[in-house]
C-alpha cells in the first residue's frame, strides 16, 4: 500500500497519510514513539487499526514538531514495516 503524506497533527500525536484511493489514514503515537496505523473518518478521527505487510511511504513529515521527530525516528527503526 503506497501512502502519501497529508499532514501532521502534533496536538493529537498523529501523522496523516492518504492511500491510492484517497482514504485518510494516520499513524498515531500509542506509547512513547511507537506508532500504529489507523483508518480515519473524513474528519480525521481514528476508527480502527489497519494491518498490512508492506507499506510504502512516499514521503515523511518535516521534523518541525515532536510528533514528526518521533515518527521519523520510529520509521527509521522499522524498515520492514514501512
Protein backbone atom coordinates (compact mmCIF):
# COMPACT_ATOMS: atom_id res chain seq x y z
CA UNK A 1 0.00 0.00 0.00
CA UNK A 2 1.50 3.34 -1.06
CA UNK A 3 0.77 6.25 1.27
CA UNK A 4 1.25 9.96 0.57
CA UNK A 5 1.78 12.45 3.38
CA UNK A 6 -1.24 14.63 4.13
CA UNK A 7 -0.37 16.50 7.35
CA UNK A 8 0.97 16.25 10.90
CA UNK A 9 -1.22 16.88 13.95
CA UNK A 10 1.13 17.49 16.86
CA UNK A 11 -1.72 18.10 19.35
CA UNK A 12 -3.10 14.58 18.84
CA UNK A 13 0.27 12.90 18.08
CA UNK A 14 -0.79 11.85 14.57
CA UNK A 15 0.79 11.82 11.13
CA UNK A 16 -1.89 11.67 8.43
CA UNK A 17 -1.49 9.95 5.06
CA UNK A 18 -3.75 9.18 2.11
CA UNK A 19 -3.73 5.90 0.21
CA UNK A 20 -4.13 5.37 -3.53
CA UNK A 21 -7.92 5.70 -3.20
CA UNK A 22 -7.56 8.99 -1.25
CA UNK A 23 -8.76 7.38 2.00
CA UNK A 24 -7.42 9.09 5.11
CA UNK A 25 -5.20 7.10 7.47
CA UNK A 26 -2.96 8.11 10.32
CA UNK A 27 -0.05 6.84 12.29
CA UNK A 28 -0.82 7.63 15.92
CA UNK A 29 1.72 7.58 18.72
CA UNK A 30 0.46 4.85 21.02
CA UNK A 31 3.25 4.87 23.60
CA UNK A 32 6.48 6.85 23.64
CA UNK A 33 7.42 6.77 20.00
CA UNK A 34 5.55 3.60 19.00
CA UNK A 35 3.08 4.23 16.17
CA UNK A 36 0.02 2.35 14.97
CA UNK A 37 -1.60 2.75 11.54
CA UNK A 38 -5.31 3.56 11.77
CA UNK A 39 -8.09 4.12 9.21
CA UNK A 40 -9.67 7.53 9.85
CA UNK A 41 -13.07 9.09 9.30
CA UNK A 42 -13.36 12.01 6.89
CA UNK A 43 -12.93 14.44 9.79
CA UNK A 44 -9.65 12.77 10.81
CA UNK A 45 -10.76 10.72 13.80
CA UNK A 46 -9.20 7.25 14.02
CA UNK A 47 -11.71 4.43 13.51
CA UNK A 48 -9.84 1.11 13.52
CA UNK A 49 -6.33 -0.36 13.11
CA UNK A 50 -5.01 -1.27 9.67
CA UNK A 51 -2.61 -4.18 9.28
CA UNK A 52 -0.61 -4.68 6.10
CA UNK A 53 2.63 -6.49 5.44
CA UNK A 54 4.01 -3.88 3.03
CA UNK A 55 3.53 -0.15 3.47
CA UNK A 56 5.31 2.24 1.15
CA UNK A 57 5.55 5.83 2.39
CA UNK A 58 6.06 8.28 -0.44
CA UNK A 59 7.40 10.88 1.99
CA UNK A 60 7.82 11.64 5.67
CA UNK A 61 6.99 14.85 7.53
CA UNK A 62 9.49 17.63 8.07
CA UNK A 63 10.87 17.31 11.58
CA UNK A 64 9.21 20.53 12.74
CA UNK A 65 7.46 19.23 15.88
CA UNK A 66 7.78 16.45 18.45
CA UNK A 67 5.32 14.13 16.72
CA UNK A 68 7.13 14.39 13.38
CA UNK A 69 10.51 13.81 15.04
CA UNK A 70 9.23 10.74 16.92
CA UNK A 71 7.58 9.36 13.76
CA UNK A 72 10.68 9.76 11.58
CA UNK A 73 12.79 8.09 14.31
CA UNK A 74 10.29 5.22 14.64
CA UNK A 75 10.09 4.74 10.88
CA UNK A 76 13.88 4.53 10.59
CA UNK A 77 13.91 1.80 13.23
CA UNK A 78 11.15 -0.23 11.50
CA UNK A 79 12.28 -0.72 7.87
CA UNK A 80 10.37 -3.99 7.49
CA UNK A 81 7.10 -2.27 8.38
CA UNK A 82 7.30 1.00 6.46
